[in-house]
Protein backbone atom coordinates (compact mmCIF):
# COMPACT_ATOMS: atom_id res chain seq x y z
CA MET A 1 -18.95 4.40 13.75
CA ARG A 2 -20.07 7.37 12.11
CA GLU A 3 -18.03 9.60 9.37
CA VAL A 4 -17.10 12.21 8.19
CA VAL A 5 -15.85 14.86 5.33
CA VAL A 6 -11.57 16.28 6.91
CA HIS A 7 -9.67 18.82 5.13
CA PHE A 8 -6.36 19.14 5.35
CA GLY A 9 -2.98 20.43 4.28
CA ASP A 10 -2.38 23.98 2.69
CA ASN A 11 -5.93 25.87 2.09
CA GLU A 12 -7.33 22.62 3.15
CA ALA A 13 -7.85 21.44 0.11
CA LEU A 14 -7.84 17.94 0.54
CA GLU A 15 -10.16 15.81 1.05
CA ALA A 16 -10.64 12.34 3.40
CA ILE A 17 -13.39 10.48 5.40
CA LEU A 18 -12.74 9.97 8.64
CA THR A 19 -14.46 6.86 10.16
CA VAL A 20 -14.90 7.48 14.08
CA PRO A 21 -15.83 4.91 16.84
CA TYR A 22 -18.93 5.94 18.51
CA LYS A 23 -16.95 5.66 21.74
CA ALA A 24 -14.26 8.14 22.18
CA THR A 25 -12.26 5.96 24.90
CA ASP A 26 -12.82 2.85 21.85
CA ASN A 27 -9.62 4.86 20.11
CA LEU A 28 -7.38 4.70 23.44
CA ASP A 29 -3.90 3.09 23.65
CA ARG A 30 -4.26 2.05 19.09
CA PRO A 31 -2.51 3.62 16.62
CA THR A 32 -4.91 5.42 13.56
CA PHE A 33 -5.03 3.75 10.24
CA VAL A 34 -4.58 5.93 7.39
CA PHE A 35 -5.35 4.31 4.24
CA LEU A 36 -3.36 5.96 0.48
CA ASN A 37 -4.84 6.00 -2.68
CA SER A 38 -4.17 2.52 -5.37
CA GLY A 39 -3.11 5.34 -8.15
CA LEU A 40 -5.61 7.34 -9.48
CA LEU A 41 -8.23 5.41 -7.75
CA HIS A 42 -10.25 7.66 -4.75
CA ARG A 43 -10.83 7.00 -1.95
CA VAL A 44 -12.60 4.44 -1.60
CA GLY A 45 -9.65 1.90 -2.54
CA PRO A 46 -10.19 -1.03 -5.15
CA ASN A 47 -13.52 -2.14 -5.30
CA ARG A 48 -14.41 -0.40 -1.95
CA LEU A 49 -11.72 -2.00 -0.25
CA HIS A 50 -11.06 0.88 1.94
CA VAL A 51 -14.78 1.12 3.06
CA THR A 52 -15.34 -2.12 4.08
CA MET A 53 -11.74 -2.24 6.42
CA ALA A 54 -12.16 0.73 8.19
CA ARG A 55 -15.92 0.37 8.69
CA GLU A 56 -14.65 -3.23 10.25
CA LEU A 57 -11.75 -1.34 12.24
CA ALA A 58 -14.52 1.08 13.61
CA VAL A 59 -15.90 -2.11 15.54
CA THR A 60 -12.58 -2.55 17.17
CA GLY A 61 -12.69 0.85 18.09
CA ILE A 62 -10.49 2.08 15.37
CA ARG A 63 -10.21 5.25 13.79
CA SER A 64 -8.73 5.19 10.60
CA LEU A 65 -8.80 8.19 7.51
CA ARG A 66 -9.16 7.86 4.05
CA LEU A 67 -7.44 9.80 1.73
CA ASP A 68 -7.59 11.73 -1.49
CA LEU A 69 -4.01 13.13 -2.53
CA SER A 70 -3.97 16.33 -4.63
CA GLY A 71 -4.81 15.38 -8.24
CA VAL A 72 -7.10 12.24 -7.39
CA GLY A 73 -10.65 11.74 -5.73
CA ASP A 74 -12.11 15.42 -4.89
CA SER A 75 -8.24 16.58 -3.69
CA PRO A 76 -7.48 18.95 -6.43
CA ALA A 77 -4.03 19.01 -8.62
CA SER A 78 -1.34 20.29 -7.04
CA GLY A 79 0.89 23.85 -8.62
CA GLY A 80 3.81 22.85 -7.35
CA THR A 81 6.83 21.73 -8.72
CA HIS A 82 7.85 18.51 -6.36
CA SER A 83 7.26 14.71 -8.64
CA ILE A 84 4.42 13.40 -7.36
CA ALA A 85 6.05 10.28 -5.10
CA GLU A 86 7.59 13.46 -2.95
CA ARG A 87 4.17 15.40 -3.28
CA TRP A 88 1.92 12.59 -2.12
CA ALA A 89 4.85 11.46 0.71
CA GLY A 90 4.35 15.60 1.85
CA GLU A 91 0.28 14.86 2.15
CA THR A 92 0.46 12.24 3.66
CA VAL A 93 2.56 13.48 6.46
CA GLN A 94 0.14 16.87 6.67
CA ALA A 95 -2.86 14.29 7.55
CA MET A 96 -1.17 13.10 9.94
CA ASP A 97 -0.94 16.35 11.40
CA HIS A 98 -4.17 17.20 11.09
CA LEU A 99 -4.75 14.02 12.91
CA GLU A 100 -2.26 14.64 16.07
CA THR A 101 -3.71 18.64 16.21
CA ARG A 102 -7.60 17.97 15.91
CA TYR A 103 -7.60 14.70 17.45
CA GLY A 104 -4.16 14.33 20.13
CA ASP A 105 -3.41 10.77 17.32
CA SER A 106 0.26 10.55 18.21
CA ARG A 107 0.40 7.11 16.63
CA PHE A 108 0.10 5.60 13.16
CA VAL A 109 -0.32 3.12 10.68
CA LEU A 110 -0.09 3.69 6.88
CA LEU A 111 -2.03 1.38 4.41
CA GLY A 112 -1.78 1.30 0.67
CA ASN A 113 -1.93 -0.72 -2.34
CA CYS A 114 0.79 -0.49 -5.41
CA SER A 115 1.24 3.24 -5.89
CA GLY A 116 0.19 3.55 -2.17
CA ALA A 117 2.31 0.72 -0.34
CA ALA A 118 5.33 2.97 -2.12
CA ILE A 119 4.12 6.29 -0.61
CA SER A 120 3.37 4.60 3.09
CA LEU A 121 6.95 2.88 2.55
CA ILE A 122 8.11 7.11 1.33
CA ALA A 123 6.17 8.22 4.52
CA ALA A 124 6.97 5.74 7.25
CA ALA A 125 10.62 5.98 7.09
CA ARG A 126 10.31 9.93 7.62
CA ASP A 127 8.13 9.92 10.18
CA SER A 128 8.44 8.00 13.43
CA ARG A 129 4.62 8.47 14.07
CA VAL A 130 4.00 5.72 11.61
CA VAL A 131 4.43 2.58 14.01
CA GLY A 132 2.33 0.24 11.23
CA ALA A 133 3.38 0.11 7.28
CA ALA A 134 1.21 -2.30 5.77
CA LEU A 135 2.20 -2.77 2.08
CA VAL A 136 0.60 -4.80 -0.47
CA ASN A 137 1.34 -4.74 -3.89
CA LEU A 138 4.65 -2.75 -3.53
CA GLN A 139 5.64 -2.73 -6.91
CA GLY A 140 9.06 -2.88 -8.56
CA PRO A 141 10.51 -4.92 -12.02
CA ARG A 142 7.45 -6.69 -13.77
CA THR A 143 8.59 -9.53 -15.33
CA TYR A 144 5.74 -10.05 -17.38
CA LEU A 145 6.95 -13.13 -19.31
CA ARG A 146 7.06 -15.57 -16.34
CA TYR A 147 4.16 -13.87 -15.36
CA TYR A 148 1.81 -15.08 -18.29
CA LEU A 149 4.04 -18.22 -18.35
CA ARG A 150 3.19 -19.06 -14.73
CA LEU A 151 -0.76 -17.81 -15.70
CA ALA A 152 -0.92 -20.51 -18.97
CA VAL A 153 0.29 -23.08 -16.47
CA ARG A 154 -2.36 -22.98 -14.71
CA LYS A 155 -5.13 -21.82 -17.13
CA PRO A 156 -4.36 -22.90 -20.80
CA ALA A 157 -6.91 -20.74 -22.61
CA ILE A 158 -4.95 -17.94 -21.81
CA TRP A 159 -2.31 -18.81 -25.05
CA LEU A 160 -6.15 -17.70 -26.86
CA ARG A 161 -5.52 -14.39 -25.47
CA LEU A 162 -1.73 -14.36 -26.96
CA LEU A 163 -2.23 -15.38 -30.21
CA GLY A 164 -5.72 -13.16 -29.84
CA GLY A 165 -4.00 -9.69 -29.46
CA GLY A 166 -4.81 -9.51 -25.72
CA ALA A 167 -1.54 -9.22 -24.22
CA ARG A 168 0.97 -6.30 -23.29
CA TYR A 169 3.49 -7.62 -25.95
CA ARG A 170 5.72 -5.02 -25.34
CA ASP A 171 5.98 -5.50 -21.46
CA LEU A 172 6.38 -9.40 -22.82
CA LEU A 173 9.46 -7.89 -25.29
CA ASN A 174 10.79 -6.05 -22.71
CA SER A 175 10.71 -9.16 -19.89
CA LEU A 176 12.52 -11.54 -22.66
CA ARG A 177 14.73 -8.43 -22.91
CA GLY A 178 15.67 -8.40 -19.50
CA LEU A 179 15.66 -11.92 -18.79
CA LEU A 180 18.69 -12.18 -21.30
CA ALA A 181 20.44 -9.57 -19.58
CA GLY A 182 20.20 -10.92 -16.41
CA ARG A 183 17.79 -8.82 -15.48
CA GLY A 184 14.11 -7.65 -14.45
CA ASP A 185 12.53 -5.01 -17.32
CA LYS A 186 12.51 -1.91 -16.78
CA SER A 187 8.85 -1.49 -16.35
CA VAL A 188 9.61 0.38 -13.19
CA ASP A 189 7.10 2.84 -11.21
CA GLU A 190 7.94 6.43 -10.79
CA GLU A 191 6.98 5.47 -6.76
CA THR A 192 9.52 2.74 -6.50
CA ARG A 193 12.45 4.59 -8.22
CA ALA A 194 11.68 7.52 -5.84
CA PHE A 195 13.32 6.59 -2.72
CA ASP A 196 16.59 4.58 -1.91
CA LEU A 197 15.11 1.11 -0.54
CA ASP A 198 18.46 0.85 1.44
CA GLY A 199 17.87 2.98 3.23
CA THR A 200 14.28 3.64 3.57
CA LEU A 201 14.59 -0.05 5.16
CA ASN A 202 17.16 0.95 8.00
CA SER A 203 15.21 4.32 8.89
CA LEU A 204 12.63 1.72 9.52
CA VAL A 205 14.23 -0.27 11.71
CA ARG A 206 15.40 2.85 13.60
CA HIS A 207 11.52 4.05 14.03
CA ARG A 208 10.61 0.30 14.97
CA THR A 209 8.45 0.06 12.21
CA GLN A 210 6.42 -3.15 12.04
CA VAL A 211 5.75 -3.80 8.39
CA LEU A 212 3.24 -6.03 6.43
CA MET A 213 4.25 -7.31 3.27
CA VAL A 214 1.82 -8.26 1.04
CA TYR A 215 0.99 -9.66 -2.30
CA CYS A 216 -1.39 -10.82 -4.46
CA ALA A 217 -0.64 -14.32 -6.48
CA TRP A 218 -1.38 -13.00 -9.79
CA ASP A 219 0.51 -9.60 -9.43
CA PRO A 220 3.21 -9.34 -12.18
CA SER A 221 5.52 -7.90 -9.36
CA LEU A 222 5.47 -10.75 -7.49
CA ASP A 223 9.60 -12.47 -9.11
CA PHE A 224 10.38 -9.26 -8.14
CA TYR A 225 9.32 -9.35 -3.76
CA ARG A 226 10.49 -13.15 -4.09
CA LEU A 227 14.06 -12.84 -5.60
CA LYS A 228 14.91 -9.26 -4.63
CA LEU A 229 12.91 -7.51 -1.85
CA ARG A 230 12.20 -10.34 0.21
CA PRO A 231 15.71 -11.27 0.50
CA LYS A 232 15.78 -7.71 1.89
CA LEU A 233 13.46 -7.29 4.01
CA GLU A 234 15.03 -10.30 6.40
CA GLN A 235 18.31 -8.98 6.46
CA THR A 236 17.17 -5.41 7.54
CA ILE A 237 14.22 -5.86 9.69
CA PRO A 238 14.13 -7.61 12.85
CA ALA A 239 11.71 -11.26 12.96
CA THR A 240 9.82 -9.74 15.30
CA HIS A 241 8.63 -6.04 13.41
CA LEU A 242 8.08 -8.08 9.87
CA ARG A 243 5.15 -10.02 8.53
CA THR A 244 5.25 -11.34 4.62
CA GLU A 245 1.95 -12.71 3.34
CA ILE A 246 1.42 -13.91 -0.27
CA ILE A 247 -2.82 -14.49 -1.06
CA PRO A 248 -3.20 -17.26 -3.65
CA GLY A 249 -5.54 -16.78 -6.20
CA MET A 250 -5.88 -13.06 -6.48
CA ASN A 251 -5.27 -11.01 -8.49
CA HIS A 252 -4.29 -6.94 -8.36
CA ASP A 253 -6.75 -5.13 -8.06
CA PHE A 254 -8.66 -7.89 -5.52
CA SER A 255 -11.90 -8.84 -7.61
CA LEU A 256 -13.09 -11.22 -6.09
CA LEU A 257 -14.58 -11.76 -2.43
CA GLY A 258 -12.39 -14.11 -0.99
CA GLY A 259 -8.95 -12.00 -1.75
CA GLN A 260 -10.84 -8.87 -0.07
CA GLN A 261 -12.21 -10.83 2.92
CA THR A 262 -8.48 -12.55 3.38
CA LEU A 263 -6.63 -8.98 3.12
CA ARG A 264 -8.78 -7.74 5.58
CA ARG A 265 -8.33 -10.58 8.03
CA ILE A 266 -4.59 -10.36 7.82
CA VAL A 267 -4.51 -7.36 8.17
CA ARG A 268 -6.52 -7.35 12.02
CA ASP A 269 -4.47 -9.70 13.17
CA TRP A 270 -1.28 -8.31 12.20
CA ALA A 271 -2.67 -5.38 14.23
CA ALA A 272 -4.57 -6.67 17.51
CA SER A 273 -0.67 -8.75 17.35
CA TRP A 274 1.33 -5.51 18.59
CA SER A 275 -0.96 -2.86 18.46
CA ALA A 276 -2.12 -2.35 21.86
CA HIS A 277 1.29 -2.90 23.30
CA GLY A 278 3.21 0.56 21.95
């Protein structure tokens, strides 16, 4: 494989790394992966996860692009007035435009963790060239109270952290208020609020997009996924186009090698199950 720096977007101001298999014919009938930033973390991904995934995909003949969206990593901030979600979703489409113009790629898989998952979802709903969306730890209302209770059951030492001031007390209080009111707390990411979920999922169905939904067992939004998101996904997206996974013992940022390996295997198996068949 080889890796090259790519510039795209308005005035070619945005920067990315393209990972290309040695043989040009290796990419035939396979979609190109596009890795999106996780929040303000630059294109290497959490614990360099995007780098290792891109290089493993290259061995199987799949080309991939690791983005730095505007204001992150090596891409300068944009002077536009659009929201972050709108701007980044548009830049993701610009990245696909560049790959189609330069290399003839016409089918793409978007992959992102946290806010990257939200931007992947927005862009996939807008662009029919996206044949797959791997959404990792898509954020929603965070029930921190349930999160700490689950954590305390498995690790009693967490009570020392709670008593010693190491907890997010404002978030815990919001969670408690939300539970008493029969809802989740108000700690919802801007990117998650930026789209209508029902309309977005219906667009994915129209585009026949394959969806991979992955959550880490210790992600604070896991309750949101189990109680709200998964039922809606299963009601809307055909079972043949939806795969869901929960990685046990793993935190939001994939700090442990075992969780990183599990995610890489899940993505490889998921893509291999359908990518070569259109």
